[in-house]
Each structure stands twice: as structure tokens, then as C-alpha cells.
Amino acid sequence: MYIDTTLLAKAQKVIPNPNILINLVSKRVWQLRNGADPLVQPTEKSLENTALREIIDHKISYSL
């Protein structure tokens, strides 16, 4: 697993709470591994980076 720190920093600006960010990325990675279609062009080597890019591009969000 390789997480691009640049993408992580950008995602933290969108979702500043680290607990929410980790949970959102984890859930999205699980969905991608189980056949969900990526919402961005999957050019990354890891699903974690794809999930981060989806967050950065505001393709996925959360509610409390």
C-alpha cells in the first residue's frame, strides 16, 4: 500500500477531521475492492490514492 502524501494533505483540507477522513477512505477502499466503479480516472497504483482523489474532487462526501 502506497499513500501519496500530497494527496493526503489535499484531502485533509477537504475533510480536516482525521478520524472521519480515515473512516471514509477505508470504507471507499472496501467498496472499490468489492467491485464499485471509481468516480475518478483510476491512474493511481493504490485504491487508497483513488479514494483520496475522489475526496479531493468532491466526488464523495459524508454526513454526521
N, C-alpha and C. Protein backbone atom coordinates (compact mmCIF):
# COMPACT_ATOMS: atom_id res chain seq x y z
N MET A 1 0.84 -1.17 0.00
CA MET A 1 0.00 0.00 0.00
C MET A 1 0.89 1.24 0.00
N TYR A 2 0.63 2.11 -0.92
CA TYR A 2 1.37 3.36 -1.02
C TYR A 2 0.38 4.51 -1.00
N ILE A 3 0.50 5.39 -0.02
CA ILE A 3 -0.36 6.56 0.05
C ILE A 3 0.47 7.78 -0.29
N ASP A 4 0.04 8.50 -1.31
CA ASP A 4 0.71 9.72 -1.74
C ASP A 4 0.45 10.81 -0.71
N THR A 5 1.50 11.30 -0.07
CA THR A 5 1.35 12.30 0.99
C THR A 5 0.80 13.63 0.46
N THR A 6 1.05 13.93 -0.79
CA THR A 6 0.49 15.14 -1.39
C THR A 6 -1.03 15.03 -1.48
N LEU A 7 -1.51 13.88 -1.91
CA LEU A 7 -2.96 13.66 -1.98
C LEU A 7 -3.56 13.67 -0.58
N LEU A 8 -2.87 13.09 0.37
CA LEU A 8 -3.36 13.07 1.75
C LEU A 8 -3.51 14.49 2.29
N ALA A 9 -2.52 15.34 2.05
CA ALA A 9 -2.58 16.72 2.52
C ALA A 9 -3.74 17.48 1.88
N LYS A 10 -3.98 17.24 0.59
CA LYS A 10 -5.10 17.90 -0.09
C LYS A 10 -6.43 17.41 0.46
N ALA A 11 -6.53 16.11 0.72
CA ALA A 11 -7.77 15.54 1.27
C ALA A 11 -8.03 16.06 2.68
N GLN A 12 -6.97 16.31 3.44
CA GLN A 12 -7.13 16.84 4.79
C GLN A 12 -7.69 18.27 4.77
N LYS A 13 -7.48 18.98 3.69
CA LYS A 13 -8.08 20.31 3.56
C LYS A 13 -9.58 20.21 3.31
N VAL A 14 -10.01 19.14 2.65
CA VAL A 14 -11.43 18.93 2.38
C VAL A 14 -12.12 18.38 3.62
N ILE A 15 -11.48 17.41 4.27
CA ILE A 15 -12.02 16.78 5.49
C ILE A 15 -10.94 16.88 6.56
N PRO A 16 -10.97 17.93 7.37
CA PRO A 16 -9.89 18.16 8.33
C PRO A 16 -9.87 17.20 9.53
N ASN A 17 -10.97 16.55 9.82
CA ASN A 17 -11.01 15.62 10.94
C ASN A 17 -10.36 14.30 10.51
N PRO A 18 -9.22 13.92 11.12
CA PRO A 18 -8.51 12.71 10.67
C PRO A 18 -9.30 11.43 10.87
N ASN A 19 -10.11 11.36 11.91
CA ASN A 19 -10.91 10.15 12.14
C ASN A 19 -11.93 9.96 11.03
N ILE A 20 -12.60 11.02 10.65
CA ILE A 20 -13.59 10.94 9.57
C ILE A 20 -12.90 10.61 8.25
N LEU A 21 -11.77 11.25 7.99
CA LEU A 21 -11.04 11.00 6.74
C LEU A 21 -10.62 9.55 6.64
N ILE A 22 -10.05 9.00 7.71
CA ILE A 22 -9.60 7.60 7.70
C ILE A 22 -10.77 6.66 7.47
N ASN A 23 -11.88 6.91 8.17
CA ASN A 23 -13.04 6.04 8.02
C ASN A 23 -13.63 6.12 6.62
N LEU A 24 -13.67 7.32 6.06
CA LEU A 24 -14.21 7.49 4.71
C LEU A 24 -13.33 6.80 3.67
N VAL A 25 -12.03 6.97 3.78
CA VAL A 25 -11.11 6.31 2.84
C VAL A 25 -11.21 4.79 2.99
N SER A 26 -11.25 4.30 4.22
CA SER A 26 -11.34 2.85 4.45
C SER A 26 -12.60 2.26 3.84
N LYS A 27 -13.72 2.93 4.07
CA LYS A 27 -14.98 2.43 3.52
C LYS A 27 -14.96 2.46 2.00
N ARG A 28 -14.42 3.53 1.43
CA ARG A 28 -14.38 3.64 -0.03
C ARG A 28 -13.46 2.59 -0.64
N VAL A 29 -12.31 2.34 -0.01
CA VAL A 29 -11.39 1.30 -0.49
C VAL A 29 -12.09 -0.05 -0.46
N TRP A 30 -12.84 -0.32 0.61
CA TRP A 30 -13.59 -1.58 0.70
C TRP A 30 -14.56 -1.69 -0.47
N GLN A 31 -15.27 -0.59 -0.76
CA GLN A 31 -16.23 -0.59 -1.87
C GLN A 31 -15.52 -0.84 -3.20
N LEU A 32 -14.38 -0.18 -3.41
CA LEU A 32 -13.64 -0.36 -4.67
C LEU A 32 -13.13 -1.79 -4.80
N ARG A 33 -12.64 -2.36 -3.73
CA ARG A 33 -12.16 -3.75 -3.77
C ARG A 33 -13.28 -4.73 -4.06
N ASN A 34 -14.50 -4.36 -3.71
CA ASN A 34 -15.64 -5.24 -3.90
C ASN A 34 -16.43 -4.91 -5.16
N GLY A 35 -15.81 -4.21 -6.09
CA GLY A 35 -16.40 -4.04 -7.41
C GLY A 35 -17.03 -2.70 -7.73
N ALA A 36 -17.01 -1.75 -6.81
CA ALA A 36 -17.58 -0.43 -7.10
C ALA A 36 -16.75 0.26 -8.18
N ASP A 37 -17.41 0.99 -9.03
CA ASP A 37 -16.71 1.74 -10.07
C ASP A 37 -16.08 2.99 -9.47
N PRO A 38 -14.82 3.26 -9.82
CA PRO A 38 -14.20 4.51 -9.34
C PRO A 38 -14.88 5.72 -9.94
N LEU A 39 -14.94 6.80 -9.17
CA LEU A 39 -15.59 8.03 -9.61
C LEU A 39 -14.61 8.99 -10.27
N VAL A 40 -13.34 8.63 -10.30
CA VAL A 40 -12.29 9.38 -10.99
C VAL A 40 -11.52 8.38 -11.85
N GLN A 41 -10.77 8.89 -12.80
CA GLN A 41 -9.96 8.01 -13.64
C GLN A 41 -8.91 7.31 -12.76
N PRO A 42 -8.96 5.98 -12.64
CA PRO A 42 -8.04 5.27 -11.74
C PRO A 42 -6.63 5.15 -12.29
N THR A 43 -5.84 6.20 -12.14
CA THR A 43 -4.45 6.16 -12.61
C THR A 43 -3.48 5.84 -11.49
N GLU A 44 -3.99 5.75 -10.28
CA GLU A 44 -3.13 5.51 -9.13
C GLU A 44 -2.81 4.02 -8.99
N LYS A 45 -1.72 3.74 -8.33
CA LYS A 45 -1.33 2.35 -8.10
C LYS A 45 -2.08 1.74 -6.92
N SER A 46 -2.64 2.58 -6.06
CA SER A 46 -3.35 2.04 -4.90
C SER A 46 -4.78 2.56 -4.86
N LEU A 47 -5.64 1.75 -4.33
CA LEU A 47 -7.03 2.15 -4.18
C LEU A 47 -7.17 3.28 -3.17
N GLU A 48 -6.27 3.33 -2.21
CA GLU A 48 -6.28 4.41 -1.22
C GLU A 48 -6.11 5.76 -1.90
N ASN A 49 -5.19 5.84 -2.85
CA ASN A 49 -4.97 7.10 -3.58
C ASN A 49 -6.16 7.45 -4.45
N THR A 50 -6.81 6.45 -5.02
CA THR A 50 -8.02 6.70 -5.80
C THR A 50 -9.10 7.28 -4.90
N ALA A 51 -9.27 6.71 -3.71
CA ALA A 51 -10.26 7.22 -2.76
C ALA A 51 -9.93 8.65 -2.34
N LEU A 52 -8.67 8.94 -2.11
CA LEU A 52 -8.26 10.30 -1.75
C LEU A 52 -8.58 11.28 -2.87
N ARG A 53 -8.33 10.88 -4.11
CA ARG A 53 -8.63 11.76 -5.24
C ARG A 53 -10.12 12.00 -5.37
N GLU A 54 -10.93 10.98 -5.07
CA GLU A 54 -12.38 11.16 -5.10
C GLU A 54 -12.81 12.19 -4.05
N ILE A 55 -12.19 12.15 -2.89
CA ILE A 55 -12.50 13.13 -1.84
C ILE A 55 -12.06 14.52 -2.27
N ILE A 56 -10.86 14.64 -2.80
CA ILE A 56 -10.33 15.94 -3.24
C ILE A 56 -11.23 16.55 -4.31
N ASP A 57 -11.73 15.72 -5.22
CA ASP A 57 -12.59 16.21 -6.31
C ASP A 57 -14.06 16.33 -5.89
N HIS A 58 -14.32 16.13 -4.60
CA HIS A 58 -15.67 16.24 -4.05
C HIS A 58 -16.65 15.27 -4.71
N LYS A 59 -16.15 14.10 -5.10
CA LYS A 59 -17.00 13.07 -5.69
C LYS A 59 -17.70 12.25 -4.61
N ILE A 60 -17.09 12.18 -3.42
CA ILE A 60 -17.72 11.52 -2.29
C ILE A 60 -17.65 12.46 -1.08
N SER A 61 -18.61 12.30 -0.22
CA SER A 61 -18.67 13.15 0.97
C SER A 61 -19.22 12.33 2.13
N TYR A 62 -19.49 12.97 3.21
CA TYR A 62 -20.01 12.29 4.39
C TYR A 62 -21.04 13.18 5.08
N SER A 63 -21.81 12.58 5.94
CA SER A 63 -22.72 13.35 6.78
C SER A 63 -22.71 12.72 8.16
N LEU A 64 -22.93 13.54 9.15
CA LEU A 64 -22.95 13.05 10.53
C LEU A 64 -24.38 12.95 11.04
